[in-house]
Every structure is written in structure tokens, then in C-alpha cells.
Amino acid sequence: YLQMDNLKAEDTAVYYCAARYYYSSTDWNDYDYW
């Protein structure tokens, strides 16, 4: 889940969830499923 509060106009975008095996990452290239 992603709870989004105090939204701003700059938050406008397409939001994607992703899964990355075992280790967390901030790099989209590391994720296996989208």
C-alpha cells in the first residue's frame, strides 16, 4: 500500500508498484516485476 497525504500538484504522475527479489532498492533497474 501507499498512503498519500497532503498531496501536491507536483505529485501528479503515473504510479507504479514493483517487486525486487530479496533486497530492497531505490533503483528501478533492480526490480523484477512491475
Full PDB file with SEQRES, HELIX, SHEET, SSBOND, CRYST1, ORIGX, SCALE, CONECT and MASTER records, all heavy atoms in Angstrom:
SEQRES   1 A   34  TYR LEU GLN MET ASP ASN LEU LYS ALA GLU ASP THR ALA          
SEQRES   2 A   34  VAL TYR TYR CYS ALA ALA ARG TYR TYR TYR SER SER THR          
SEQRES   3 A   34  ASP TRP ASN ASP TYR ASP TYR TRP                              
HELIX    1 AA1 ALA A    9  ASP A   11  5                                   3    
HELIX    2 AA2 TRP A   28  ASP A   30  5                                   3    
CRYST1    1.000    1.000    1.000  90.00  90.00  90.00 P 1           1          
ORIGX1      1.000000  0.000000  0.000000        0.00000                         
ORIGX2      0.000000  1.000000  0.000000        0.00000                         
ORIGX3      0.000000  0.000000  1.000000        0.00000                         
SCALE1      1.000000  0.000000  0.000000        0.00000                         
SCALE2      0.000000  1.000000  0.000000        0.00000                         
SCALE3      0.000000  0.000000  1.000000        0.00000                         
ATOM      1  N   TYR A   1       0.826  -1.194   0.000  1.00  0.00           N  
ATOM      2  CA  TYR A   1       0.000   0.000   0.000  1.00  0.00           C  
ATOM      3  C   TYR A   1       0.865   1.251   0.000  1.00  0.00           C  
ATOM      4  O   TYR A   1       2.007   1.251   0.455  1.00  0.00           O  
ATOM      5  CB  TYR A   1      -0.900   0.038   1.236  1.00  0.00           C  
ATOM      6  CG  TYR A   1      -1.700  -1.219   1.453  1.00  0.00           C  
ATOM      7  CD1 TYR A   1      -1.220  -2.242   2.268  1.00  0.00           C  
ATOM      8  CD2 TYR A   1      -2.939  -1.389   0.841  1.00  0.00           C  
ATOM      9  CE1 TYR A   1      -1.950  -3.394   2.470  1.00  0.00           C  
ATOM     10  CE2 TYR A   1      -3.675  -2.543   1.038  1.00  0.00           C  
ATOM     11  CZ  TYR A   1      -3.179  -3.538   1.855  1.00  0.00           C  
ATOM     12  OH  TYR A   1      -3.910  -4.685   2.053  1.00  0.00           O  
ATOM     13  N   LEU A   2       0.284   2.313  -0.494  1.00  0.00           N  
ATOM     14  CA  LEU A   2       0.910   3.623  -0.398  1.00  0.00           C  
ATOM     15  C   LEU A   2      -0.155   4.626   0.018  1.00  0.00           C  
ATOM     16  O   LEU A   2      -1.053   4.941  -0.764  1.00  0.00           O  
ATOM     17  CB  LEU A   2       1.549   4.044  -1.722  1.00  0.00           C  
ATOM     18  CG  LEU A   2       2.343   5.350  -1.677  1.00  0.00           C  
ATOM     19  CD1 LEU A   2       3.606   5.176  -0.835  1.00  0.00           C  
ATOM     20  CD2 LEU A   2       2.702   5.817  -3.083  1.00  0.00           C  
ATOM     21  N   GLN A   3      -0.047   5.095   1.239  1.00  0.00           N  
ATOM     22  CA  GLN A   3      -0.936   6.125   1.735  1.00  0.00           C  
ATOM     23  C   GLN A   3      -0.309   7.479   1.434  1.00  0.00           C  
ATOM     24  O   GLN A   3       0.808   7.755   1.870  1.00  0.00           O  
ATOM     25  CB  GLN A   3      -1.161   5.970   3.237  1.00  0.00           C  
ATOM     26  CG  GLN A   3      -1.998   7.066   3.872  1.00  0.00           C  
ATOM     27  CD  GLN A   3      -3.417   7.089   3.363  1.00  0.00           C  
ATOM     28  OE1 GLN A   3      -4.030   6.037   3.196  1.00  0.00           O  
ATOM     29  NE2 GLN A   3      -3.951   8.265   3.111  1.00  0.00           N  
ATOM     30  N   MET A   4      -1.021   8.303   0.707  1.00  0.00           N  
ATOM     31  CA  MET A   4      -0.516   9.598   0.285  1.00  0.00           C  
ATOM     32  C   MET A   4      -1.367  10.695   0.918  1.00  0.00           C  
ATOM     33  O   MET A   4      -2.563  10.799   0.647  1.00  0.00           O  
ATOM     34  CB  MET A   4      -0.536   9.722  -1.238  1.00  0.00           C  
ATOM     35  CG  MET A   4       0.227   8.615  -1.945  1.00  0.00           C  
ATOM     36  SD  MET A   4       0.332   8.864  -3.738  1.00  0.00           S  
ATOM     37  CE  MET A   4      -1.395   8.701  -4.180  1.00  0.00           C  
ATOM     38  N   ASP A   5      -0.739  11.495   1.742  1.00  0.00           N  
ATOM     39  CA  ASP A   5      -1.407  12.598   2.415  1.00  0.00           C  
ATOM     40  C   ASP A   5      -0.772  13.919   2.011  1.00  0.00           C  
ATOM     41  O   ASP A   5       0.363  13.959   1.535  1.00  0.00           O  
ATOM     42  CB  ASP A   5      -1.323  12.437   3.935  1.00  0.00           C  
ATOM     43  CG  ASP A   5      -2.022  11.202   4.443  1.00  0.00           C  
ATOM     44  OD1 ASP A   5      -3.145  10.911   3.978  1.00  0.00           O  
ATOM     45  OD2 ASP A   5      -1.447  10.514   5.320  1.00  0.00           O  
ATOM     46  N   ASN A   6      -1.508  14.989   2.243  1.00  0.00           N  
ATOM     47  CA  ASN A   6      -1.022  16.327   1.915  1.00  0.00           C  
ATOM     48  C   ASN A   6      -0.479  16.387   0.489  1.00  0.00           C  
ATOM     49  O   ASN A   6       0.641  16.839   0.237  1.00  0.00           O  
ATOM     50  CB  ASN A   6       0.050  16.754   2.919  1.00  0.00           C  
ATOM     51  CG  ASN A   6       0.372  18.234   2.837  1.00  0.00           C  
ATOM     52  OD1 ASN A   6      -0.435  19.033   2.376  1.00  0.00           O  
ATOM     53  ND2 ASN A   6       1.568  18.607   3.290  1.00  0.00           N  
ATOM     54  N   LEU A   7      -1.290  15.949  -0.432  1.00  0.00           N  
ATOM     55  CA  LEU A   7      -0.868  15.879  -1.821  1.00  0.00           C  
ATOM     56  C   LEU A   7      -0.606  17.255  -2.411  1.00  0.00           C  
ATOM     57  O   LEU A   7      -1.261  18.239  -2.059  1.00  0.00           O  
ATOM     58  CB  LEU A   7      -1.924  15.156  -2.649  1.00  0.00           C  
ATOM     59  CG  LEU A   7      -1.968  13.641  -2.448  1.00  0.00           C  
ATOM     60  CD1 LEU A   7      -3.289  13.072  -2.953  1.00  0.00           C  
ATOM     61  CD2 LEU A   7      -0.794  12.980  -3.167  1.00  0.00           C  
ATOM     62  N   LYS A   8       0.354  17.285  -3.322  1.00  0.00           N  
ATOM     63  CA  LYS A   8       0.728  18.491  -4.029  1.00  0.00           C  
ATOM     64  C   LYS A   8       0.564  18.274  -5.524  1.00  0.00           C  
ATOM     65  O   LYS A   8       0.570  17.137  -6.001  1.00  0.00           O  
ATOM     66  CB  LYS A   8       2.186  18.863  -3.731  1.00  0.00           C  
ATOM     67  CG  LYS A   8       2.511  19.029  -2.263  1.00  0.00           C  
ATOM     68  CD  LYS A   8       3.995  19.305  -2.067  1.00  0.00           C  
ATOM     69  CE  LYS A   8       4.346  19.464  -0.605  1.00  0.00           C  
ATOM     70  NZ  LYS A   8       5.796  19.715  -0.415  1.00  0.00           N  
ATOM     71  N   ALA A   9       0.448  19.356  -6.252  1.00  0.00           N  
ATOM     72  CA  ALA A   9       0.327  19.255  -7.699  1.00  0.00           C  
ATOM     73  C   ALA A   9       1.520  18.523  -8.302  1.00  0.00           C  
ATOM     74  O   ALA A   9       1.378  17.805  -9.304  1.00  0.00           O  
ATOM     75  CB  ALA A   9       0.190  20.640  -8.319  1.00  0.00           C  
ATOM     76  N   GLU A  10       2.688  18.671  -7.698  1.00  0.00           N  
ATOM     77  CA  GLU A  10       3.891  18.017  -8.182  1.00  0.00           C  
ATOM     78  C   GLU A  10       3.847  16.499  -8.043  1.00  0.00           C  
ATOM     79  O   GLU A  10       4.693  15.803  -8.605  1.00  0.00           O  
ATOM     80  CB  GLU A  10       5.125  18.544  -7.434  1.00  0.00           C  
ATOM     81  CG  GLU A  10       5.294  20.051  -7.506  1.00  0.00           C  
ATOM     82  CD  GLU A  10       4.596  20.751  -6.353  1.00  0.00           C  
ATOM     83  OE1 GLU A  10       5.236  20.943  -5.301  1.00  0.00           O  
ATOM     84  OE2 GLU A  10       3.409  21.112  -6.511  1.00  0.00           O  
ATOM     85  N   ASP A  11       2.884  15.985  -7.292  1.00  0.00           N  
ATOM     86  CA  ASP A  11       2.733  14.544  -7.143  1.00  0.00           C  
ATOM     87  C   ASP A  11       2.003  13.908  -8.319  1.00  0.00           C  
ATOM     88  O   ASP A  11       1.899  12.681  -8.382  1.00  0.00           O  
ATOM     89  CB  ASP A  11       1.979  14.216  -5.852  1.00  0.00           C  
ATOM     90  CG  ASP A  11       2.737  14.644  -4.609  1.00  0.00           C  
ATOM     91  OD1 ASP A  11       3.971  14.468  -4.571  1.00  0.00           O  
ATOM     92  OD2 ASP A  11       2.085  15.143  -3.670  1.00  0.00           O  
ATOM     93  N   THR A  12       1.493  14.715  -9.212  1.00  0.00           N  
ATOM     94  CA  THR A  12       0.783  14.199 -10.374  1.00  0.00           C  
ATOM     95  C   THR A  12       1.717  13.345 -11.228  1.00  0.00           C  
ATOM     96  O   THR A  12       2.761  13.808 -11.674  1.00  0.00           O  
ATOM     97  CB  THR A  12       0.208  15.346 -11.209  1.00  0.00           C  
ATOM     98  OG1 THR A  12      -0.771  16.052 -10.442  1.00  0.00           O  
ATOM     99  CG2 THR A  12      -0.454  14.821 -12.474  1.00  0.00           C  
ATOM    100  N   ALA A  13       1.327  12.099 -11.447  1.00  0.00           N  
ATOM    101  CA  ALA A  13       2.158  11.157 -12.192  1.00  0.00           C  
ATOM    102  C   ALA A  13       1.424   9.832 -12.289  1.00  0.00           C  
ATOM    103  O   ALA A  13       0.393   9.623 -11.651  1.00  0.00           O  
ATOM    104  CB  ALA A  13       3.506  10.954 -11.497  1.00  0.00           C  
ATOM    105  N   VAL A  14       1.984   8.943 -13.088  1.00  0.00           N  
ATOM    106  CA  VAL A  14       1.569   7.554 -13.062  1.00  0.00           C  
ATOM    107  C   VAL A  14       2.391   6.846 -11.996  1.00  0.00           C  
ATOM    108  O   VAL A  14       3.620   6.937 -11.988  1.00  0.00           O  
ATOM    109  CB  VAL A  14       1.760   6.871 -14.425  1.00  0.00           C  
ATOM    110  CG1 VAL A  14       1.382   5.392 -14.342  1.00  0.00           C  
ATOM    111  CG2 VAL A  14       0.919   7.562 -15.487  1.00  0.00           C  
ATOM    112  N   TYR A  15       1.720   6.156 -11.115  1.00  0.00           N  
ATOM    113  CA  TYR A  15       2.380   5.472 -10.013  1.00  0.00           C  
ATOM    114  C   TYR A  15       2.444   3.976 -10.287  1.00  0.00           C  
ATOM    115  O   TYR A  15       1.438   3.349 -10.628  1.00  0.00           O  
ATOM    116  CB  TYR A  15       1.646   5.730  -8.699  1.00  0.00           C  
ATOM    117  CG  TYR A  15       1.928   7.098  -8.137  1.00  0.00           C  
ATOM    118  CD1 TYR A  15       1.439   8.239  -8.768  1.00  0.00           C  
ATOM    119  CD2 TYR A  15       2.698   7.256  -6.985  1.00  0.00           C  
ATOM    120  CE1 TYR A  15       1.724   9.500  -8.275  1.00  0.00           C  
ATOM    121  CE2 TYR A  15       2.974   8.513  -6.484  1.00  0.00           C  
ATOM    122  CZ  TYR A  15       2.483   9.632  -7.130  1.00  0.00           C  
ATOM    123  OH  TYR A  15       2.761  10.880  -6.626  1.00  0.00           O  
ATOM    124  N   TYR A  16       3.625   3.412 -10.112  1.00  0.00           N  
ATOM    125  CA  TYR A  16       3.868   2.006 -10.363  1.00  0.00           C  
ATOM    126  C   TYR A  16       4.337   1.307  -9.099  1.00  0.00           C  
ATOM    127  O   TYR A  16       5.142   1.851  -8.348  1.00  0.00           O  
ATOM    128  CB  TYR A  16       4.963   1.818 -11.420  1.00  0.00           C  
ATOM    129  CG  TYR A  16       4.672   2.432 -12.760  1.00  0.00           C  
ATOM    130  CD1 TYR A  16       5.059   3.736 -13.048  1.00  0.00           C  
ATOM    131  CD2 TYR A  16       4.026   1.698 -13.750  1.00  0.00           C  
ATOM    132  CE1 TYR A  16       4.805   4.297 -14.278  1.00  0.00           C  
ATOM    133  CE2 TYR A  16       3.776   2.253 -14.985  1.00  0.00           C  
ATOM    134  CZ  TYR A  16       4.164   3.550 -15.245  1.00  0.00           C  
ATOM    135  OH  TYR A  16       3.917   4.100 -16.474  1.00  0.00           O  
ATOM    136  N   CYS A  17       3.862   0.100  -8.890  1.00  0.00           N  
ATOM    137  CA  CYS A  17       4.449  -0.726  -7.855  1.00  0.00           C  
ATOM    138  C   CYS A  17       5.368  -1.744  -8.506  1.00  0.00           C  
ATOM    139  O   CYS A  17       5.222  -2.088  -9.681  1.00  0.00           O  
ATOM    140  CB  CYS A  17       3.387  -1.413  -6.984  1.00  0.00           C  
ATOM    141  SG  CYS A  17       2.380  -2.658  -7.823  1.00  0.00           S  
ATOM    142  N   ALA A  18       6.335  -2.214  -7.742  1.00  0.00           N  
ATOM    143  CA  ALA A  18       7.330  -3.128  -8.264  1.00  0.00           C  
ATOM    144  C   ALA A  18       7.803  -4.069  -7.172  1.00  0.00           C  
ATOM    145  O   ALA A  18       7.718  -3.752  -5.983  1.00  0.00           O  
ATOM    146  CB  ALA A  18       8.517  -2.351  -8.839  1.00  0.00           C  
ATOM    147  N   ALA A  19       8.313  -5.214  -7.588  1.00  0.00           N  
ATOM    148  CA  ALA A  19       8.842  -6.214  -6.670  1.00  0.00           C  
ATOM    149  C   ALA A  19      10.280  -6.544  -7.043  1.00  0.00           C  
ATOM    150  O   ALA A  19      10.589  -6.735  -8.222  1.00  0.00           O  
ATOM    151  CB  ALA A  19       7.983  -7.477  -6.706  1.00  0.00           C  
ATOM    152  N   ARG A  20      11.133  -6.616  -6.036  1.00  0.00           N  
ATOM    153  CA  ARG A  20      12.548  -6.893  -6.229  1.00  0.00           C  
ATOM    154  C   ARG A  20      12.941  -8.031  -5.304  1.00  0.00           C  
ATOM    155  O   ARG A  20      12.734  -7.940  -4.094  1.00  0.00           O  
ATOM    156  CB  ARG A  20      13.370  -5.640  -5.943  1.00  0.00           C  
ATOM    157  CG  ARG A  20      14.845  -5.715  -6.353  1.00  0.00           C  
ATOM    158  CD  ARG A  20      15.725  -6.030  -5.178  1.00  0.00           C  
ATOM    159  NE  ARG A  20      17.124  -5.718  -5.437  1.00  0.00           N  
ATOM    160  CZ  ARG A  20      17.993  -6.546  -6.003  1.00  0.00           C  
ATOM    161  NH1 ARG A  20      17.603  -7.761  -6.395  1.00  0.00           N  
ATOM    162  NH2 ARG A  20      19.256  -6.172  -6.180  1.00  0.00           N  
ATOM    163  N   TYR A  21      13.529  -9.072  -5.893  1.00  0.00           N  
ATOM    164  CA  TYR A  21      13.836 -10.246  -5.104  1.00  0.00           C  
ATOM    165  C   TYR A  21      14.800  -9.951  -3.965  1.00  0.00           C  
ATOM    166  O   TYR A  21      15.872  -9.387  -4.178  1.00  0.00           O  
ATOM    167  CB  TYR A  21      14.419 -11.352  -5.984  1.00  0.00           C  
ATOM    168  CG  TYR A  21      14.728 -12.618  -5.225  1.00  0.00           C  
ATOM    169  CD1 TYR A  21      13.697 -13.392  -4.693  1.00  0.00           C  
ATOM    170  CD2 TYR A  21      16.035 -13.030  -5.018  1.00  0.00           C  
ATOM    171  CE1 TYR A  21      13.967 -14.546  -3.984  1.00  0.00           C  
ATOM    172  CE2 TYR A  21      16.311 -14.190  -4.312  1.00  0.00           C  
ATOM    173  CZ  TYR A  21      15.276 -14.940  -3.792  1.00  0.00           C  
ATOM    174  OH  TYR A  21      15.548 -16.089  -3.093  1.00  0.00           O  
ATOM    175  N   TYR A  22      14.401 -10.301  -2.789  1.00  0.00           N  
ATOM    176  CA  TYR A  22      15.152 -10.366  -1.548  1.00  0.00           C  
ATOM    177  C   TYR A  22      15.575  -9.007  -0.984  1.00  0.00           C  
ATOM    178  O   TYR A  22      15.239  -8.671   0.144  1.00  0.00           O  
ATOM    179  CB  TYR A  22      16.381 -11.267  -1.692  1.00  0.00           C  
ATOM    180  CG  TYR A  22      16.719 -11.989  -0.410  1.00  0.00           C  
ATOM    181  CD1 TYR A  22      16.017 -13.128  -0.037  1.00  0.00           C  
ATOM    182  CD2 TYR A  22      17.725 -11.524   0.422  1.00  0.00           C  
ATOM    183  CE1 TYR A  22      16.309 -13.788   1.141  1.00  0.00           C  
ATOM    184  CE2 TYR A  22      18.024 -12.187   1.609  1.00  0.00           C  
ATOM    185  CZ  TYR A  22      17.316 -13.314   1.960  1.00  0.00           C  
ATOM    186  OH  TYR A  22      17.599 -13.964   3.132  1.00  0.00           O  
ATOM    187  N   TYR A  23      16.313  -8.216  -1.752  1.00  0.00           N  
ATOM    188  CA  TYR A  23      16.872  -6.965  -1.239  1.00  0.00           C  
ATOM    189  C   TYR A  23      16.114  -5.753  -1.738  1.00  0.00           C  
ATOM    190  O   TYR A  23      15.748  -5.662  -2.900  1.00  0.00           O  
ATOM    191  CB  TYR A  23      18.344  -6.829  -1.631  1.00  0.00           C  
ATOM    192  CG  TYR A  23      19.220  -7.919  -1.093  1.00  0.00           C  
ATOM    193  CD1 TYR A  23      19.772  -8.869  -1.943  1.00  0.00           C  
ATOM    194  CD2 TYR A  23      19.495  -8.007   0.262  1.00  0.00           C  
ATOM    195  CE1 TYR A  23      20.583  -9.875  -1.449  1.00  0.00           C  
ATOM    196  CE2 TYR A  23      20.302  -9.019   0.764  1.00  0.00           C  
ATOM    197  CZ  TYR A  23      20.840  -9.943  -0.096  1.00  0.00           C  
ATOM    198  OH  TYR A  23      21.647 -10.935   0.396  1.00  0.00           O  
ATOM    199  N   SER A  24      15.942  -4.809  -0.852  1.00  0.00           N  
ATOM    200  CA  SER A  24      15.306  -3.554  -1.214  1.00  0.00           C  
ATOM    201  C   SER A  24      16.255  -2.698  -2.046  1.00  0.00           C  
ATOM    202  O   SER A  24      17.470  -2.827  -1.962  1.00  0.00           O  
ATOM    203  CB  SER A  24      14.878  -2.803   0.051  1.00  0.00           C  
ATOM    204  OG  SER A  24      14.214  -1.602  -0.268  1.00  0.00           O  
ATOM    205  N   SER A  25      15.692  -1.806  -2.838  1.00  0.00           N  
ATOM    206  CA  SER A  25      16.492  -0.941  -3.688  1.00  0.00           C  
ATOM    207  C   SER A  25      15.704   0.311  -4.034  1.00  0.00           C  
ATOM    208  O   SER A  25      14.473   0.295  -4.069  1.00  0.00           O  
ATOM    209  CB  SER A  25      16.896  -1.670  -4.973  1.00  0.00           C  
ATOM    210  OG  SER A  25      17.590  -0.812  -5.854  1.00  0.00           O  
ATOM    211  N   THR A  26      16.425   1.391  -4.304  1.00  0.00           N  
ATOM    212  CA  THR A  26      15.823   2.625  -4.788  1.00  0.00           C  
ATOM    213  C   THR A  26      15.996   2.783  -6.293  1.00  0.00           C  
ATOM    214  O   THR A  26      15.556   3.780  -6.862  1.00  0.00           O  
ATOM    215  CB  THR A  26      16.430   3.850  -4.085  1.00  0.00           C  
ATOM    216  OG1 THR A  26      17.836   3.914  -4.348  1.00  0.00           O  
ATOM    217  CG2 THR A  26      16.218   3.774  -2.577  1.00  0.00           C  
ATOM    218  N   ASP A  27      16.608   1.816  -6.923  1.00  0.00           N  
ATOM    219  CA  ASP A  27      16.915   1.860  -8.348  1.00  0.00           C  
ATOM    220  C   ASP A  27      15.911   1.010  -9.113  1.00  0.00           C  
ATOM    221  O   ASP A  27      15.828  -0.204  -8.893  1.00  0.00           O  
ATOM    222  CB  ASP A  27      18.333   1.355  -8.587  1.00  0.00           C  
ATOM    223  CG  ASP A  27      18.802   1.525 -10.011  1.00  0.00           C  
ATOM    224  OD1 ASP A  27      17.974   1.761 -10.911  1.00  0.00           O  
ATOM    225  OD2 ASP A  27      20.024   1.409 -10.251  1.00  0.00           O  
ATOM    226  N   TRP A  28      15.178   1.635 -10.019  1.00  0.00           N  
ATOM    227  CA  TRP A  28      14.149   0.894 -10.752  1.00  0.00           C  
ATOM    228  C   TRP A  28      14.714  -0.252 -11.576  1.00  0.00           C  
ATOM    229  O   TRP A  28      14.014  -1.244 -11.831  1.00  0.00           O  
ATOM    230  CB  TRP A  28      13.343   1.837 -11.656  1.00  0.00           C  
ATOM    231  CG  TRP A  28      14.121   2.449 -12.791  1.00  0.00           C  
ATOM    232  CD1 TRP A  28      14.794   3.637 -12.767  1.00  0.00           C  
ATOM    233  CD2 TRP A  28      14.277   1.909 -14.099  1.00  0.00           C  
ATOM    234  NE1 TRP A  28      15.365   3.865 -13.999  1.00  0.00           N  
ATOM    235  CE2 TRP A  28      15.067   2.826 -14.834  1.00  0.00           C  
ATOM    236  CE3 TRP A  28      13.829   0.742 -14.729  1.00  0.00           C  
ATOM    237  CZ2 TRP A  28      15.419   2.603 -16.169  1.00  0.00           C  
ATOM    238  CZ3 TRP A  28      14.182   0.513 -16.061  1.00  0.00           C  
ATOM    239  CH2 TRP A  28      14.964   1.443 -16.752  1.00  0.00           C  
ATOM    240  N   ASN A  29      15.979  -0.151 -11.972  1.00  0.00           N  
ATOM    241  CA  ASN A  29      16.602  -1.213 -12.752  1.00  0.00           C  
ATOM    242  C   ASN A  29      16.743  -2.512 -11.972  1.00  0.00           C  
ATOM    243  O   ASN A  29      16.913  -3.576 -12.573  1.00  0.00           O  
ATOM    244  CB  ASN A  29      17.979  -0.772 -13.242  1.00  0.00           C  
ATOM    245  CG  ASN A  29      17.905   0.317 -14.281  1.00  0.00           C  
ATOM    246  OD1 ASN A  29      17.552   0.064 -15.429  1.00  0.00           O  
ATOM    247  ND2 ASN A  29      18.244   1.540 -13.879  1.00  0.00           N  
ATOM    248  N   ASP A  30      16.684  -2.441 -10.664  1.00  0.00           N  
ATOM    249  CA  ASP A  30      16.871  -3.620  -9.832  1.00  0.00           C  
ATOM    250  C   ASP A  30      15.607  -4.448  -9.662  1.00  0.00           C  
ATOM    251  O   ASP A  30      15.673  -5.569  -9.159  1.00  0.00           O  
ATOM    252  CB  ASP A  30      17.385  -3.220  -8.451  1.00  0.00           C  
ATOM    253  CG  ASP A  30      18.806  -2.701  -8.471  1.00  0.00           C  
ATOM    254  OD1 ASP A  30      19.553  -3.021  -9.416  1.00  0.00           O  
ATOM    255  OD2 ASP A  30      19.170  -1.972  -7.530  1.00  0.00           O  
ATOM    256  N   TYR A  31      14.485  -3.915 -10.053  1.00  0.00           N  
ATOM    257  CA  TYR A  31      13.220  -4.587  -9.785  1.00  0.00           C  
ATOM    258  C   TYR A  31      12.855  -5.595 -10.866  1.00  0.00           C  
ATOM    259  O   TYR A  31      13.126  -5.384 -12.049  1.00  0.00           O  
ATOM    260  CB  TYR A  31      12.110  -3.559  -9.579  1.00  0.00           C  
ATOM    261  CG  TYR A  31      12.203  -2.921  -8.217  1.00  0.00           C  
ATOM    262  CD1 TYR A  31      13.119  -1.917  -7.965  1.00  0.00           C  
ATOM    263  CD2 TYR A  31      11.395  -3.359  -7.172  1.00  0.00           C  
ATOM    264  CE1 TYR A  31      13.238  -1.357  -6.702  1.00  0.00           C  
ATOM    265  CE2 TYR A  31      11.501  -2.801  -5.914  1.00  0.00           C  
ATOM    266  CZ  TYR A  31      12.427  -1.796  -5.684  1.00  0.00           C  
ATOM    267  OH  TYR A  31      12.536  -1.237  -4.427  1.00  0.00           O  
ATOM    268  N   ASP A  32      12.229  -6.668 -10.433  1.00  0.00           N  
ATOM    269  CA  ASP A  32      11.953  -7.808 -11.303  1.00  0.00           C  
ATOM    270  C   ASP A  32      10.547  -7.805 -11.897  1.00  0.00           C  
ATOM    271  O   ASP A  32      10.342  -8.306 -13.004  1.00  0.00           O  
ATOM    272  CB  ASP A  32      12.150  -9.105 -10.517  1.00  0.00           C  
ATOM    273  CG  ASP A  32      13.529  -9.220  -9.913  1.00  0.00           C  
ATOM    274  OD1 ASP A  32      14.511  -9.199 -10.682  1.00  0.00           O  
ATOM    275  OD2 ASP A  32      13.629  -9.334  -8.668  1.00  0.00           O  
ATOM    276  N   TYR A  33       9.593  -7.269 -11.171  1.00  0.00           N  
ATOM    277  CA  TYR A  33       8.210  -7.261 -11.615  1.00  0.00           C  
ATOM    278  C   TYR A  33       7.621  -5.874 -11.462  1.00  0.00           C  
ATOM    279  O   TYR A  33       7.921  -5.163 -10.502  1.00  0.00           O  
ATOM    280  CB  TYR A  33       7.371  -8.266 -10.813  1.00  0.00           C  
ATOM    281  CG  TYR A  33       7.823  -9.689 -10.955  1.00  0.00           C  
ATOM    282  CD1 TYR A  33       8.650 -10.269 -10.005  1.00  0.00           C  
ATOM    283  CD2 TYR A  33       7.422 -10.454 -12.048  1.00  0.00           C  
ATOM    284  CE1 TYR A  33       9.075 -11.579 -10.141  1.00  0.00           C  
ATOM    285  CE2 TYR A  33       7.847 -11.761 -12.187  1.00  0.00           C  
ATOM    286  CZ  TYR A  33       8.669 -12.320 -11.230  1.00  0.00           C  
ATOM    287  OH  TYR A  33       9.083 -13.619 -11.375  1.00  0.00           O  
ATOM    288  N   TRP A  34       6.754  -5.521 -12.397  1.00  0.00           N  
ATOM    289  CA  TRP A  34       6.128  -4.200 -12.429  1.00  0.00           C  
ATOM    290  C   TRP A  34       4.646  -4.298 -12.717  1.00  0.00           C  
ATOM    291  O   TRP A  34       4.205  -5.151 -13.490  1.00  0.00           O  
ATOM    292  CB  TRP A  34       6.780  -3.328 -13.500  1.00  0.00           C  
ATOM    293  CG  TRP A  34       8.173  -2.914 -13.171  1.00  0.00           C  
ATOM    294  CD1 TRP A  34       9.318  -3.598 -13.432  1.00  0.00           C  
ATOM    295  CD2 TRP A  34       8.557  -1.708 -12.513  1.00  0.00           C  
ATOM    296  NE1 TRP A  34      10.405  -2.893 -12.980  1.00  0.00           N  
ATOM    297  CE2 TRP A  34       9.966  -1.727 -12.414  1.00  0.00           C  
ATOM    298  CE3 TRP A  34       7.855  -0.612 -12.010  1.00  0.00           C  
ATOM    299  CZ2 TRP A  34      10.678  -0.686 -11.821  1.00  0.00           C  
ATOM    300  CZ3 TRP A  34       8.561   0.421 -11.414  1.00  0.00           C  
ATOM    301  CH2 TRP A  34       9.961   0.370 -11.331  1.00  0.00           C  
TER     302      TRP A  34                                                      
MASTER        0    0    0    2    0    0    0    6  301    1    0    3          
END                                                                             
